[in-house]
Structure formats: C-alpha cells, structure tokens
Amino acid sequence: MTQTVILRGLEQQALACELIRRAPVDAVVTIKEATRNLDQNAKLWAMLSDVSRAKPEGRSWVPETWKAAFMHSLGHQVQFCEGLDGSGPFPLGFRSSRLSKRQFADLITVVYEYGDRHGVQWSEPPPKGYDL
C-alpha cells in the first residue's frame, strides 16, 4: 500500500508520523520538495513562446530549445547519446517536470531576466520583483 501526505501543516505532519509508526518493517519513506505545478508549467511555456517570437540576439529557436538553454544556464546538466542511424549525438535530459517548485520559480525568473534584457514583449506582465 502506498500513502502520500503533503506536509502543509502540523496536522499532516502528525499523520505522517503516525503512518511511519504503523509502517511494516522494511518500508521505505521518501520526503522531497513538491514538483512544479500546472500553472507554473503553463506560464513557462507562454514565456518561452514570447522569447521565441522575439528572436533575441538573432536566435530563431523553438520554445523547446529556449527551455534547454535556460535550464542549462541554471546548471541543469544534459547527457548526449549517439543516434542509431549515425546522424550524430542527440540530447537527453532537461526534464522540467522533475524540478521542485522553487527550482521552477528560479527558471521562470531567469527567463524573465533574459527577456527583459533583450526587449521581449511578454504576453503576461511579470509580477513585481518576480515573486513567483
């Protein structure tokens, strides 16, 4: 049986402690930051589309390429594998769905900062201070 508890306050912490007390021997407990939410994801893709349309520095990149570039700028690594048909390497990685909410907010902030420096017209104005 799998149980998931989102720790929003003392009540959920108490429930988690009780579940641990009742857990069978060899049970596994994992505590991790929540991953990005759907609103963050939708905002990122709108922003990436805005940057792509603006073609900053003459870069005619699709939104997926911009996402990889911004994630790389934050230190997220990518791995390359050799193609099956000998056409050269292709990238693996840059899965933003695995980012925590905080990491995703950092990614959105980097996109805003870059876009602002390069005159991107946002379809949705940035919040004051990029408080995401």
C-alpha atoms as a PDB file:
ATOM      1  CA  MET A   1       0.000   0.000   0.000  1.00  0.00           C
ATOM      2  CA  THR A   2       1.326   3.456  -0.946  1.00  0.00           C
ATOM      3  CA  GLN A   3       0.464   6.561   1.073  1.00  0.00           C
ATOM      4  CA  THR A   4       1.261  10.130   0.071  1.00  0.00           C
ATOM      5  CA  VAL A   5       0.965  13.026   2.504  1.00  0.00           C
ATOM      6  CA  ILE A   6       1.544  16.654   1.529  1.00  0.00           C
ATOM      7  CA  LEU A   7       3.026  18.399   4.560  1.00  0.00           C
ATOM      8  CA  ARG A   8       1.041  21.654   4.684  1.00  0.00           C
ATOM      9  CA  GLY A   9       0.887  21.988   8.464  1.00  0.00           C
ATOM     10  CA  LEU A  10       1.013  20.264  11.854  1.00  0.00           C
ATOM     11  CA  GLU A  11      -1.999  18.051  11.147  1.00  0.00           C
ATOM     12  CA  GLN A  12      -0.365  16.492   8.077  1.00  0.00           C
ATOM     13  CA  GLN A  13       2.961  16.138   9.927  1.00  0.00           C
ATOM     14  CA  ALA A  14       1.162  14.240  12.720  1.00  0.00           C
ATOM     15  CA  LEU A  15      -0.491  11.974  10.143  1.00  0.00           C
ATOM     16  CA  ALA A  16       2.877  11.283   8.506  1.00  0.00           C
ATOM     17  CA  CYS A  17       4.388  10.404  11.903  1.00  0.00           C
ATOM     18  CA  GLU A  18       1.501   8.022  12.617  1.00  0.00           C
ATOM     19  CA  LEU A  19       1.876   6.337   9.235  1.00  0.00           C
ATOM     20  CA  ILE A  20       5.587   5.861   9.949  1.00  0.00           C
ATOM     21  CA  ARG A  21       4.843   4.371  13.390  1.00  0.00           C
ATOM     22  CA  ARG A  22       2.429   1.864  11.796  1.00  0.00           C
ATOM     23  CA  ALA A  23       4.688   1.081   8.815  1.00  0.00           C
ATOM     24  CA  PRO A  24       5.840  -2.507   8.357  1.00  0.00           C
ATOM     25  CA  VAL A  25       9.479  -3.497   8.658  1.00  0.00           C
ATOM     26  CA  ASP A  26      11.495  -2.604   5.526  1.00  0.00           C
ATOM     27  CA  ALA A  27       9.009   0.096   4.465  1.00  0.00           C
ATOM     28  CA  VAL A  28      10.553   2.988   2.537  1.00  0.00           C
ATOM     29  CA  VAL A  29       9.882   6.658   3.381  1.00  0.00           C
ATOM     30  CA  THR A  30      10.769   9.419   0.931  1.00  0.00           C
ATOM     31  CA  ILE A  31      10.487  13.122   1.707  1.00  0.00           C
ATOM     32  CA  LYS A  32      11.034  15.531  -1.180  1.00  0.00           C
ATOM     33  CA  GLU A  33      10.088  19.014  -2.265  1.00  0.00           C
ATOM     34  CA  ALA A  34       6.895  19.284  -4.286  1.00  0.00           C
ATOM     35  CA  THR A  35       7.469  19.460  -8.035  1.00  0.00           C
ATOM     36  CA  ARG A  36       6.283  22.277 -10.273  1.00  0.00           C
ATOM     37  CA  ASN A  37       2.566  22.803 -10.674  1.00  0.00           C
ATOM     38  CA  LEU A  38       0.441  23.138 -13.815  1.00  0.00           C
ATOM     39  CA  ASP A  39       0.157  26.930 -13.505  1.00  0.00           C
ATOM     40  CA  GLN A  40       3.960  27.268 -13.376  1.00  0.00           C
ATOM     41  CA  ASN A  41       4.293  24.963 -16.375  1.00  0.00           C
ATOM     42  CA  ALA A  42       1.724  26.897 -18.432  1.00  0.00           C
ATOM     43  CA  LYS A  43       3.436  30.195 -17.526  1.00  0.00           C
ATOM     44  CA  LEU A  44       6.851  28.876 -18.569  1.00  0.00           C
ATOM     45  CA  TRP A  45       5.638  27.711 -21.990  1.00  0.00           C
ATOM     46  CA  ALA A  46       3.891  31.043 -22.633  1.00  0.00           C
ATOM     47  CA  MET A  47       7.126  32.839 -21.719  1.00  0.00           C
ATOM     48  CA  LEU A  48       9.243  30.544 -23.893  1.00  0.00           C
ATOM     49  CA  SER A  49       6.901  31.256 -26.808  1.00  0.00           C
ATOM     50  CA  ASP A  50       7.270  35.004 -26.167  1.00  0.00           C
ATOM     51  CA  VAL A  51      11.070  34.699 -26.205  1.00  0.00           C
ATOM     52  CA  SER A  52      10.984  32.539 -29.343  1.00  0.00           C
ATOM     53  CA  ARG A  53       8.836  35.112 -31.203  1.00  0.00           C
ATOM     54  CA  ALA A  54      11.175  37.947 -30.149  1.00  0.00           C
ATOM     55  CA  LYS A  55      14.243  36.193 -31.642  1.00  0.00           C
ATOM     56  CA  PRO A  56      16.673  37.860 -29.198  1.00  0.00           C
ATOM     57  CA  GLU A  57      20.269  38.112 -30.427  1.00  0.00           C
ATOM     58  CA  GLY A  58      19.013  36.845 -33.795  1.00  0.00           C
ATOM     59  CA  ARG A  59      18.337  33.363 -32.370  1.00  0.00           C
ATOM     60  CA  SER A  60      15.491  31.687 -34.234  1.00  0.00           C
ATOM     61  CA  TRP A  61      14.981  28.917 -31.702  1.00  0.00           C
ATOM     62  CA  VAL A  62      11.811  26.994 -30.942  1.00  0.00           C
ATOM     63  CA  PRO A  63      10.487  27.153 -27.356  1.00  0.00           C
ATOM     64  CA  GLU A  64      11.911  23.695 -26.534  1.00  0.00           C
ATOM     65  CA  THR A  65      15.420  24.900 -27.424  1.00  0.00           C
ATOM     66  CA  TRP A  66      14.983  28.017 -25.303  1.00  0.00           C
ATOM     67  CA  LYS A  67      13.884  25.852 -22.367  1.00  0.00           C
ATOM     68  CA  ALA A  68      17.033  23.743 -22.668  1.00  0.00           C
ATOM     69  CA  ALA A  69      19.209  26.877 -22.884  1.00  0.00           C
ATOM     70  CA  PHE A  70      17.640  28.438 -19.783  1.00  0.00           C
ATOM     71  CA  MET A  71      17.856  25.193 -17.797  1.00  0.00           C
ATOM     72  CA  HIS A  72      21.497  24.864 -18.819  1.00  0.00           C
ATOM     73  CA  SER A  73      22.142  28.417 -17.594  1.00  0.00           C
ATOM     74  CA  LEU A  74      20.879  27.308 -14.154  1.00  0.00           C
ATOM     75  CA  GLY A  75      23.328  24.406 -14.097  1.00  0.00           C
ATOM     76  CA  HIS A  76      20.978  21.574 -15.034  1.00  0.00           C
ATOM     77  CA  GLN A  77      23.037  19.027 -16.950  1.00  0.00           C
ATOM     78  CA  VAL A  78      22.213  17.217 -20.151  1.00  0.00           C
ATOM     79  CA  GLN A  79      23.588  13.943 -21.444  1.00  0.00           C
ATOM     80  CA  PHE A  80      24.217  13.125 -25.100  1.00  0.00           C
ATOM     81  CA  CYS A  81      23.720   9.730 -26.756  1.00  0.00           C
ATOM     82  CA  GLU A  82      24.798   8.654 -30.218  1.00  0.00           C
ATOM     83  CA  GLY A  83      21.938   8.347 -32.736  1.00  0.00           C
ATOM     84  CA  LEU A  84      21.050   4.922 -34.100  1.00  0.00           C
ATOM     85  CA  ASP A  85      21.431   5.988 -37.730  1.00  0.00           C
ATOM     86  CA  GLY A  86      24.876   7.556 -37.380  1.00  0.00           C
ATOM     87  CA  SER A  87      23.433  11.062 -37.685  1.00  0.00           C
ATOM     88  CA  GLY A  88      25.291  12.252 -34.610  1.00  0.00           C
ATOM     89  CA  PRO A  89      24.536  12.786 -30.944  1.00  0.00           C
ATOM     90  CA  PHE A  90      21.191  13.852 -29.528  1.00  0.00           C
ATOM     91  CA  PRO A  91      20.468  15.357 -26.093  1.00  0.00           C
ATOM     92  CA  LEU A  92      18.713  13.664 -23.198  1.00  0.00           C
ATOM     93  CA  GLY A  93      17.550  15.484 -20.127  1.00  0.00           C
ATOM     94  CA  PHE A  94      16.205  18.949 -19.383  1.00  0.00           C
ATOM     95  CA  ARG A  95      13.032  17.499 -17.883  1.00  0.00           C
ATOM     96  CA  SER A  96      11.430  20.487 -16.187  1.00  0.00           C
ATOM     97  CA  SER A  97       8.688  18.223 -14.779  1.00  0.00           C
ATOM     98  CA  ARG A  98      11.264  16.941 -12.277  1.00  0.00           C
ATOM     99  CA  LEU A  99      12.086  20.407 -10.923  1.00  0.00           C
ATOM    100  CA  SER A 100      10.844  21.443  -7.492  1.00  0.00           C
ATOM    101  CA  LYS A 101       8.518  24.440  -7.255  1.00  0.00           C
ATOM    102  CA  ARG A 102      11.456  26.550  -6.043  1.00  0.00           C
ATOM    103  CA  GLN A 103      13.704  25.393  -8.904  1.00  0.00           C
ATOM    104  CA  PHE A 104      10.901  26.061 -11.385  1.00  0.00           C
ATOM    105  CA  ALA A 105      10.390  29.561  -9.965  1.00  0.00           C
ATOM    106  CA  ASP A 106      14.141  30.138 -10.439  1.00  0.00           C
ATOM    107  CA  LEU A 107      13.809  29.023 -14.062  1.00  0.00           C
ATOM    108  CA  ILE A 108      10.916  31.432 -14.678  1.00  0.00           C
ATOM    109  CA  THR A 109      12.929  34.244 -13.063  1.00  0.00           C
ATOM    110  CA  VAL A 110      15.897  33.565 -15.378  1.00  0.00           C
ATOM    111  CA  VAL A 111      13.602  33.662 -18.416  1.00  0.00           C
ATOM    112  CA  TYR A 112      12.131  36.999 -17.260  1.00  0.00           C
ATOM    113  CA  GLU A 113      15.563  38.498 -16.611  1.00  0.00           C
ATOM    114  CA  TYR A 114      16.898  37.410 -20.012  1.00  0.00           C
ATOM    115  CA  GLY A 115      13.772  38.559 -21.836  1.00  0.00           C
ATOM    116  CA  ASP A 116      13.787  41.934 -20.102  1.00  0.00           C
ATOM    117  CA  ARG A 117      17.433  42.489 -21.108  1.00  0.00           C
ATOM    118  CA  HIS A 118      16.551  41.685 -24.726  1.00  0.00           C
ATOM    119  CA  GLY A 119      13.291  43.583 -25.114  1.00  0.00           C
ATOM    120  CA  VAL A 120      10.895  40.618 -25.138  1.00  0.00           C
ATOM    121  CA  GLN A 121       7.240  41.708 -25.098  1.00  0.00           C
ATOM    122  CA  TRP A 122       5.582  39.446 -22.546  1.00  0.00           C
ATOM    123  CA  SER A 123       2.084  38.178 -23.241  1.00  0.00           C
ATOM    124  CA  GLU A 124       1.631  38.319 -19.465  1.00  0.00           C
ATOM    125  CA  PRO A 125       3.485  41.002 -17.484  1.00  0.00           C
ATOM    126  CA  PRO A 126       5.961  39.783 -14.860  1.00  0.00           C
ATOM    127  CA  PRO A 127       4.936  40.070 -11.231  1.00  0.00           C
ATOM    128  CA  LYS A 128       6.683  42.789  -9.225  1.00  0.00           C
ATOM    129  CA  GLY A 129      10.087  41.539  -8.132  1.00  0.00           C
ATOM    130  CA  TYR A 130       9.480  38.257  -9.960  1.00  0.00           C
ATOM    131  CA  ASP A 131       7.853  36.935  -6.772  1.00  0.00           C
ATOM    132  CA  LEU A 132       6.746  33.551  -8.031  1.00  0.00           C
END
